[in-house]
Amino acid sequence: TLLRVIMRELEPAGGHIAVLPGLRIGYLPQQV
């Protein structure tokens, strides 16, 4: 869930995540 919030796939219930502009984040989902 945390990774999906960082990837902007989910919205957090509260708080904020700031990502350096232009940063590329790779993520391999558990279920494909």
PDB file of all heavy atoms in Angstrom:
ATOM      1  N   THR A   1       0.834  -1.201   0.000  1.00  0.00           N
ATOM      2  CA  THR A   1       0.000   0.000   0.000  1.00  0.00           C
ATOM      3  C   THR A   1       0.868   1.250   0.000  1.00  0.00           C
ATOM      4  O   THR A   1       0.599   2.196  -0.742  1.00  0.00           O
ATOM      5  CB  THR A   1      -0.953   0.000   1.213  1.00  0.00           C
ATOM      6  OG1 THR A   1      -1.787  -1.170   1.136  1.00  0.00           O
ATOM      7  CG2 THR A   1      -1.820   1.228   1.244  1.00  0.00           C
ATOM      8  N   LEU A   2       1.930   1.273   0.787  1.00  0.00           N
ATOM      9  CA  LEU A   2       2.840   2.413   0.807  1.00  0.00           C
ATOM     10  C   LEU A   2       3.461   2.632  -0.570  1.00  0.00           C
ATOM     11  O   LEU A   2       3.505   3.755  -1.070  1.00  0.00           O
ATOM     12  CB  LEU A   2       3.930   2.220   1.859  1.00  0.00           C
ATOM     13  CG  LEU A   2       5.021   3.297   1.899  1.00  0.00           C
ATOM     14  CD1 LEU A   2       4.425   4.671   2.176  1.00  0.00           C
ATOM     15  CD2 LEU A   2       6.073   2.941   2.938  1.00  0.00           C
ATOM     16  N   LEU A   3       3.927   1.562  -1.204  1.00  0.00           N
ATOM     17  CA  LEU A   3       4.520   1.691  -2.532  1.00  0.00           C
ATOM     18  C   LEU A   3       3.497   2.208  -3.545  1.00  0.00           C
ATOM     19  O   LEU A   3       3.811   3.046  -4.381  1.00  0.00           O
ATOM     20  CB  LEU A   3       5.090   0.352  -2.999  1.00  0.00           C
ATOM     21  CG  LEU A   3       6.316  -0.131  -2.245  1.00  0.00           C
ATOM     22  CD1 LEU A   3       6.700  -1.530  -2.699  1.00  0.00           C
ATOM     23  CD2 LEU A   3       7.480   0.820  -2.433  1.00  0.00           C
ATOM     24  N   ARG A   4       2.263   1.742  -3.432  1.00  0.00           N
ATOM     25  CA  ARG A   4       1.221   2.200  -4.362  1.00  0.00           C
ATOM     26  C   ARG A   4       0.871   3.673  -4.126  1.00  0.00           C
ATOM     27  O   ARG A   4       0.542   4.385  -5.064  1.00  0.00           O
ATOM     28  CB  ARG A   4      -0.007   1.309  -4.242  1.00  0.00           C
ATOM     29  CG  ARG A   4       0.292  -0.109  -4.791  1.00  0.00           C
ATOM     30  CD  ARG A   4      -0.895  -1.002  -4.787  1.00  0.00           C
ATOM     31  NE  ARG A   4      -1.877  -0.479  -5.743  1.00  0.00           N
ATOM     32  CZ  ARG A   4      -3.161  -0.754  -5.688  1.00  0.00           C
ATOM     33  NH1 ARG A   4      -3.634  -1.534  -4.725  1.00  0.00           N
ATOM     34  NH2 ARG A   4      -3.990  -0.258  -6.575  1.00  0.00           N
ATOM     35  N   VAL A   5       0.977   4.133  -2.892  1.00  0.00           N
ATOM     36  CA  VAL A   5       0.759   5.561  -2.612  1.00  0.00           C
ATOM     37  C   VAL A   5       1.910   6.374  -3.210  1.00  0.00           C
ATOM     38  O   VAL A   5       1.687   7.406  -3.838  1.00  0.00           O
ATOM     39  CB  VAL A   5       0.614   5.823  -1.092  1.00  0.00           C
ATOM     40  CG1 VAL A   5       0.647   7.305  -0.787  1.00  0.00           C
ATOM     41  CG2 VAL A   5      -0.678   5.204  -0.571  1.00  0.00           C
ATOM     42  N   ILE A   6       3.139   5.908  -3.047  1.00  0.00           N
ATOM     43  CA  ILE A   6       4.293   6.597  -3.616  1.00  0.00           C
ATOM     44  C   ILE A   6       4.180   6.659  -5.135  1.00  0.00           C
ATOM     45  O   ILE A   6       4.513   7.680  -5.747  1.00  0.00           O
ATOM     46  CB  ILE A   6       5.609   5.918  -3.181  1.00  0.00           C
ATOM     47  CG1 ILE A   6       5.845   6.133  -1.680  1.00  0.00           C
ATOM     48  CG2 ILE A   6       6.800   6.432  -4.004  1.00  0.00           C
ATOM     49  CD1 ILE A   6       6.966   5.301  -1.100  1.00  0.00           C
ATOM     50  N   MET A   7       3.670   5.599  -5.766  1.00  0.00           N
ATOM     51  CA  MET A   7       3.517   5.551  -7.225  1.00  0.00           C
ATOM     52  C   MET A   7       2.284   6.318  -7.705  1.00  0.00           C
ATOM     53  O   MET A   7       2.020   6.377  -8.893  1.00  0.00           O
ATOM     54  CB  MET A   7       3.422   4.099  -7.698  1.00  0.00           C
ATOM     55  CG  MET A   7       4.670   3.283  -7.441  1.00  0.00           C
ATOM     56  SD  MET A   7       6.111   3.851  -8.354  1.00  0.00           S
ATOM     57  CE  MET A   7       5.567   3.606 -10.016  1.00  0.00           C
ATOM     58  N   ARG A   8       1.525   6.881  -6.782  1.00  0.00           N
ATOM     59  CA  ARG A   8       0.300   7.649  -7.090  1.00  0.00           C
ATOM     60  C   ARG A   8      -0.830   6.766  -7.615  1.00  0.00           C
ATOM     61  O   ARG A   8      -1.729   7.227  -8.291  1.00  0.00           O
ATOM     62  CB  ARG A   8       0.567   8.779  -8.082  1.00  0.00           C
ATOM     63  CG  ARG A   8       1.690   9.716  -7.697  1.00  0.00           C
ATOM     64  CD  ARG A   8       1.226  10.721  -6.668  1.00  0.00           C
ATOM     65  NE  ARG A   8       2.173  11.826  -6.552  1.00  0.00           N
ATOM     66  CZ  ARG A   8       2.844  12.081  -5.442  1.00  0.00           C
ATOM     67  NH1 ARG A   8       2.670  11.349  -4.379  1.00  0.00           N
ATOM     68  NH2 ARG A   8       3.670  13.102  -5.387  1.00  0.00           N
ATOM     69  N   GLU A   9      -0.779   5.471  -7.303  1.00  0.00           N
ATOM     70  CA  GLU A   9      -1.862   4.564  -7.655  1.00  0.00           C
ATOM     71  C   GLU A   9      -2.982   4.640  -6.630  1.00  0.00           C
ATOM     72  O   GLU A   9      -4.117   4.292  -6.940  1.00  0.00           O
ATOM     73  CB  GLU A   9      -1.357   3.122  -7.755  1.00  0.00           C
ATOM     74  CG  GLU A   9      -0.423   2.876  -8.905  1.00  0.00           C
ATOM     75  CD  GLU A   9       0.085   1.447  -8.963  1.00  0.00           C
ATOM     76  OE1 GLU A   9      -0.381   0.596  -8.171  1.00  0.00           O
ATOM     77  OE2 GLU A   9       0.950   1.169  -9.803  1.00  0.00           O
ATOM     78  N   LEU A  10      -2.651   5.036  -5.406  1.00  0.00           N
ATOM     79  CA  LEU A  10      -3.613   5.191  -4.320  1.00  0.00           C
ATOM     80  C   LEU A  10      -3.428   6.560  -3.679  1.00  0.00           C
ATOM     81  O   LEU A  10      -2.317   7.094  -3.664  1.00  0.00           O
ATOM     82  CB  LEU A  10      -3.408   4.122  -3.233  1.00  0.00           C
ATOM     83  CG  LEU A  10      -3.663   2.673  -3.584  1.00  0.00           C
ATOM     84  CD1 LEU A  10      -3.279   1.778  -2.408  1.00  0.00           C
ATOM     85  CD2 LEU A  10      -5.115   2.451  -3.965  1.00  0.00           C
ATOM     86  N   GLU A  11      -4.507   7.087  -3.137  1.00  0.00           N
ATOM     87  CA  GLU A  11      -4.446   8.349  -2.392  1.00  0.00           C
ATOM     88  C   GLU A  11      -4.338   8.043  -0.904  1.00  0.00           C
ATOM     89  O   GLU A  11      -5.079   7.198  -0.393  1.00  0.00           O
ATOM     90  CB  GLU A  11      -5.714   9.178  -2.637  1.00  0.00           C
ATOM     91  CG  GLU A  11      -5.766   9.826  -3.997  1.00  0.00           C
ATOM     92  CD  GLU A  11      -4.722  10.924  -4.145  1.00  0.00           C
ATOM     93  OE1 GLU A  11      -4.476  11.669  -3.174  1.00  0.00           O
ATOM     94  OE2 GLU A  11      -4.163  11.027  -5.249  1.00  0.00           O
ATOM     95  N   PRO A  12      -3.449   8.718  -0.190  1.00  0.00           N
ATOM     96  CA  PRO A  12      -3.368   8.498   1.260  1.00  0.00           C
ATOM     97  C   PRO A  12      -4.583   9.111   1.960  1.00  0.00           C
ATOM     98  O   PRO A  12      -5.230  10.011   1.425  1.00  0.00           O
ATOM     99  CB  PRO A  12      -2.081   9.221   1.655  1.00  0.00           C
ATOM    100  CG  PRO A  12      -1.909  10.277   0.609  1.00  0.00           C
ATOM    101  CD  PRO A  12      -2.479   9.712  -0.652  1.00  0.00           C
ATOM    102  N   ALA A  13      -4.884   8.611   3.140  1.00  0.00           N
ATOM    103  CA  ALA A  13      -5.972   9.178   3.949  1.00  0.00           C
ATOM    104  C   ALA A  13      -5.564  10.541   4.488  1.00  0.00           C
ATOM    105  O   ALA A  13      -6.410  11.385   4.757  1.00  0.00           O
ATOM    106  CB  ALA A  13      -6.328   8.232   5.084  1.00  0.00           C
ATOM    107  N   GLY A  14      -4.270  10.776   4.635  1.00  0.00           N
ATOM    108  CA  GLY A  14      -3.759  12.055   5.116  1.00  0.00           C
ATOM    109  C   GLY A  14      -2.266  12.137   4.903  1.00  0.00           C
ATOM    110  O   GLY A  14      -1.610  11.145   4.623  1.00  0.00           O
ATOM    111  N   GLY A  15      -1.735  13.325   5.002  1.00  0.00           N
ATOM    112  CA  GLY A  15      -0.303  13.535   4.842  1.00  0.00           C
ATOM    113  C   GLY A  15       0.071  13.884   3.417  1.00  0.00           C
ATOM    114  O   GLY A  15      -0.794  14.140   2.572  1.00  0.00           O
ATOM    115  N   HIS A  16       1.372  13.888   3.161  1.00  0.00           N
ATOM    116  CA  HIS A  16       1.878  14.355   1.866  1.00  0.00           C
ATOM    117  C   HIS A  16       3.143  13.599   1.486  1.00  0.00           C
ATOM    118  O   HIS A  16       3.979  13.299   2.332  1.00  0.00           O
ATOM    119  CB  HIS A  16       2.174  15.855   1.964  1.00  0.00           C
ATOM    120  CG  HIS A  16       2.705  16.441   0.708  1.00  0.00           C
ATOM    121  ND1 HIS A  16       1.932  16.643  -0.404  1.00  0.00           N
ATOM    122  CD2 HIS A  16       3.953  16.867   0.388  1.00  0.00           C
ATOM    123  CE1 HIS A  16       2.685  17.168  -1.361  1.00  0.00           C
ATOM    124  NE2 HIS A  16       3.908  17.314  -0.903  1.00  0.00           N
ATOM    125  N   ILE A  17       3.279  13.328   0.182  1.00  0.00           N
ATOM    126  CA  ILE A  17       4.497  12.732  -0.357  1.00  0.00           C
ATOM    127  C   ILE A  17       5.047  13.679  -1.412  1.00  0.00           C
ATOM    128  O   ILE A  17       4.328  14.072  -2.336  1.00  0.00           O
ATOM    129  CB  ILE A  17       4.235  11.351  -0.974  1.00  0.00           C
ATOM    130  CG1 ILE A  17       3.796  10.377   0.114  1.00  0.00           C
ATOM    131  CG2 ILE A  17       5.491  10.832  -1.679  1.00  0.00           C
ATOM    132  CD1 ILE A  17       3.498   8.993  -0.382  1.00  0.00           C
ATOM    133  N   ALA A  18       6.307  14.066  -1.281  1.00  0.00           N
ATOM    134  CA  ALA A  18       6.968  14.935  -2.252  1.00  0.00           C
ATOM    135  C   ALA A  18       8.068  14.135  -2.940  1.00  0.00           C
ATOM    136  O   ALA A  18       8.897  13.502  -2.280  1.00  0.00           O
ATOM    137  CB  ALA A  18       7.565  16.157  -1.562  1.00  0.00           C
ATOM    138  N   VAL A  19       8.050  14.153  -4.272  1.00  0.00           N
ATOM    139  CA  VAL A  19       9.035  13.439  -5.076  1.00  0.00           C
ATOM    140  C   VAL A  19       9.807  14.464  -5.898  1.00  0.00           C
ATOM    141  O   VAL A  19       9.218  15.386  -6.461  1.00  0.00           O
ATOM    142  CB  VAL A  19       8.345  12.419  -6.007  1.00  0.00           C
ATOM    143  CG1 VAL A  19       9.349  11.705  -6.877  1.00  0.00           C
ATOM    144  CG2 VAL A  19       7.539  11.399  -5.192  1.00  0.00           C
ATOM    145  N   LEU A  20      11.120  14.318  -5.954  1.00  0.00           N
ATOM    146  CA  LEU A  20      11.963  15.210  -6.743  1.00  0.00           C
ATOM    147  C   LEU A  20      11.454  15.249  -8.183  1.00  0.00           C
ATOM    148  O   LEU A  20      11.262  14.189  -8.799  1.00  0.00           O
ATOM    149  CB  LEU A  20      13.413  14.727  -6.708  1.00  0.00           C
ATOM    150  CG  LEU A  20      14.435  15.560  -7.471  1.00  0.00           C
ATOM    151  CD1 LEU A  20      14.658  16.899  -6.752  1.00  0.00           C
ATOM    152  CD2 LEU A  20      15.744  14.802  -7.587  1.00  0.00           C
ATOM    153  N   PRO A  21      11.193  16.426  -8.727  1.00  0.00           N
ATOM    154  CA  PRO A  21      10.713  16.514 -10.113  1.00  0.00           C
ATOM    155  C   PRO A  21      11.666  15.803 -11.070  1.00  0.00           C
ATOM    156  O   PRO A  21      12.879  15.927 -10.973  1.00  0.00           O
ATOM    157  CB  PRO A  21      10.681  18.021 -10.391  1.00  0.00           C
ATOM    158  CG  PRO A  21      10.533  18.648  -9.041  1.00  0.00           C
ATOM    159  CD  PRO A  21      11.303  17.757  -8.105  1.00  0.00           C
ATOM    160  N   GLY A  22      11.094  15.016 -11.971  1.00  0.00           N
ATOM    161  CA  GLY A  22      11.879  14.280 -12.951  1.00  0.00           C
ATOM    162  C   GLY A  22      12.379  12.928 -12.464  1.00  0.00           C
ATOM    163  O   GLY A  22      12.937  12.158 -13.241  1.00  0.00           O
ATOM    164  N   LEU A  23      12.185  12.614 -11.182  1.00  0.00           N
ATOM    165  CA  LEU A  23      12.631  11.335 -10.645  1.00  0.00           C
ATOM    166  C   LEU A  23      11.799  10.206 -11.246  1.00  0.00           C
ATOM    167  O   LEU A  23      10.578  10.285 -11.297  1.00  0.00           O
ATOM    168  CB  LEU A  23      12.492  11.310  -9.119  1.00  0.00           C
ATOM    169  CG  LEU A  23      12.960  10.024  -8.436  1.00  0.00           C
ATOM    170  CD1 LEU A  23      14.476   9.902  -8.527  1.00  0.00           C
ATOM    171  CD2 LEU A  23      12.520  10.012  -6.978  1.00  0.00           C
ATOM    172  N   ARG A  24      12.475   9.174 -11.722  1.00  0.00           N
ATOM    173  CA  ARG A  24      11.791   7.995 -12.246  1.00  0.00           C
ATOM    174  C   ARG A  24      11.813   6.915 -11.188  1.00  0.00           C
ATOM    175  O   ARG A  24      12.869   6.584 -10.653  1.00  0.00           O
ATOM    176  CB  ARG A  24      12.467   7.504 -13.509  1.00  0.00           C
ATOM    177  CG  ARG A  24      12.277   8.455 -14.668  1.00  0.00           C
ATOM    178  CD  ARG A  24      12.988   8.017 -15.929  1.00  0.00           C
ATOM    179  NE  ARG A  24      13.017   6.577 -16.095  1.00  0.00           N
ATOM    180  CZ  ARG A  24      13.848   5.945 -16.919  1.00  0.00           C
ATOM    181  NH1 ARG A  24      14.700   6.625 -17.630  1.00  0.00           N
ATOM    182  NH2 ARG A  24      13.817   4.643 -17.036  1.00  0.00           N
ATOM    183  N   ILE A  25      10.654   6.355 -10.894  1.00  0.00           N
ATOM    184  CA  ILE A  25      10.536   5.302  -9.889  1.00  0.00           C
ATOM    185  C   ILE A  25      10.083   4.030 -10.585  1.00  0.00           C
ATOM    186  O   ILE A  25       9.075   4.019 -11.283  1.00  0.00           O
ATOM    187  CB  ILE A  25       9.528   5.685  -8.788  1.00  0.00           C
ATOM    188  CG1 ILE A  25       9.970   6.968  -8.084  1.00  0.00           C
ATOM    189  CG2 ILE A  25       9.366   4.545  -7.795  1.00  0.00           C
ATOM    190  CD1 ILE A  25       8.955   7.507  -7.097  1.00  0.00           C
ATOM    191  N   GLY A  26      10.844   2.958 -10.417  1.00  0.00           N
ATOM    192  CA  GLY A  26      10.470   1.659 -10.967  1.00  0.00           C
ATOM    193  C   GLY A  26       9.782   0.828  -9.902  1.00  0.00           C
ATOM    194  O   GLY A  26      10.156   0.869  -8.737  1.00  0.00           O
ATOM    195  N   TYR A  27       8.794   0.088 -10.320  1.00  0.00           N
ATOM    196  CA  TYR A  27       8.010  -0.713  -9.373  1.00  0.00           C
ATOM    197  C   TYR A  27       7.504  -1.940 -10.107  1.00  0.00           C
ATOM    198  O   TYR A  27       6.929  -1.825 -11.201  1.00  0.00           O
ATOM    199  CB  TYR A  27       6.855   0.141  -8.851  1.00  0.00           C
ATOM    200  CG  TYR A  27       5.759  -0.600  -8.127  1.00  0.00           C
ATOM    201  CD1 TYR A  27       5.984  -1.180  -6.884  1.00  0.00           C
ATOM    202  CD2 TYR A  27       4.495  -0.702  -8.674  1.00  0.00           C
ATOM    203  CE1 TYR A  27       4.974  -1.844  -6.219  1.00  0.00           C
ATOM    204  CE2 TYR A  27       3.473  -1.360  -8.015  1.00  0.00           C
ATOM    205  CZ  TYR A  27       3.721  -1.940  -6.785  1.00  0.00           C
ATOM    206  OH  TYR A  27       2.721  -2.602  -6.123  1.00  0.00           O
ATOM    207  N   LEU A  28       7.702  -3.117  -9.555  1.00  0.00           N
ATOM    208  CA  LEU A  28       7.210  -4.353 -10.136  1.00  0.00           C
ATOM    209  C   LEU A  28       6.067  -4.849  -9.262  1.00  0.00           C
ATOM    210  O   LEU A  28       6.272  -5.240  -8.119  1.00  0.00           O
ATOM    211  CB  LEU A  28       8.325  -5.401 -10.196  1.00  0.00           C
ATOM    212  CG  LEU A  28       7.954  -6.746 -10.777  1.00  0.00           C
ATOM    213  CD1 LEU A  28       7.525  -6.607 -12.234  1.00  0.00           C
ATOM    214  CD2 LEU A  28       9.126  -7.706 -10.660  1.00  0.00           C
ATOM    215  N   PRO A  29       4.837  -4.791  -9.771  1.00  0.00           N
ATOM    216  CA  PRO A  29       3.690  -5.214  -8.959  1.00  0.00           C
ATOM    217  C   PRO A  29       3.760  -6.697  -8.599  1.00  0.00           C
ATOM    218  O   PRO A  29       4.379  -7.486  -9.323  1.00  0.00           O
ATOM    219  CB  PRO A  29       2.475  -4.928  -9.841  1.00  0.00           C
ATOM    220  CG  PRO A  29       2.970  -4.457 -11.143  1.00  0.00           C
ATOM    221  CD  PRO A  29       4.452  -4.346 -11.093  1.00  0.00           C
ATOM    222  N   GLN A  30       3.118  -7.058  -7.514  1.00  0.00           N
ATOM    223  CA  GLN A  30       3.101  -8.448  -7.070  1.00  0.00           C
ATOM    224  C   GLN A  30       2.296  -9.335  -8.009  1.00  0.00           C
ATOM    225  O   GLN A  30       2.627 -10.489  -8.218  1.00  0.00           O
ATOM    226  CB  GLN A  30       2.488  -8.552  -5.679  1.00  0.00           C
ATOM    227  CG  GLN A  30       3.318  -7.936  -4.597  1.00  0.00           C
ATOM    228  CD  GLN A  30       2.667  -8.138  -3.248  1.00  0.00           C
ATOM    229  OE1 GLN A  30       2.257  -9.234  -2.907  1.00  0.00           O
ATOM    230  NE2 GLN A  30       2.551  -7.074  -2.484  1.00  0.00           N
ATOM    231  N   GLN A  31       1.211  -8.799  -8.517  1.00  0.00           N
ATOM    232  CA  GLN A  31       0.331  -9.582  -9.378  1.00  0.00           C
ATOM    233  C   GLN A  31       0.348  -8.978 -10.772  1.00  0.00           C
ATOM    234  O   GLN A  31       0.090  -7.789 -10.945  1.00  0.00           O
ATOM    235  CB  GLN A  31      -1.084  -9.580  -8.818  1.00  0.00           C
ATOM    236  CG  GLN A  31      -1.130 -10.221  -7.449  1.00  0.00           C
ATOM    237  CD  GLN A  31      -2.476 -10.066  -6.783  1.00  0.00           C
ATOM    238  OE1 GLN A  31      -3.333  -9.349  -7.256  1.00  0.00           O
ATOM    239  NE2 GLN A  31      -2.642 -10.748  -5.677  1.00  0.00           N
ATOM    240  N   VAL A  32       0.662  -9.817 -11.754  1.00  0.00           N
ATOM    241  CA  VAL A  32       0.807  -9.340 -13.117  1.00  0.00           C
ATOM    242  C   VAL A  32      -0.183 -10.077 -14.018  1.00  0.00           C
ATOM    243  O   VAL A  32      -0.300 -11.293 -13.951  1.00  0.00           O
ATOM    244  CB  VAL A  32       2.254  -9.583 -13.635  1.00  0.00           C
ATOM    245  CG1 VAL A  32       2.402  -9.118 -15.059  1.00  0.00           C
ATOM    246  CG2 VAL A  32       3.256  -8.910 -12.721  1.00  0.00           C
TER     247      VAL A  32
END
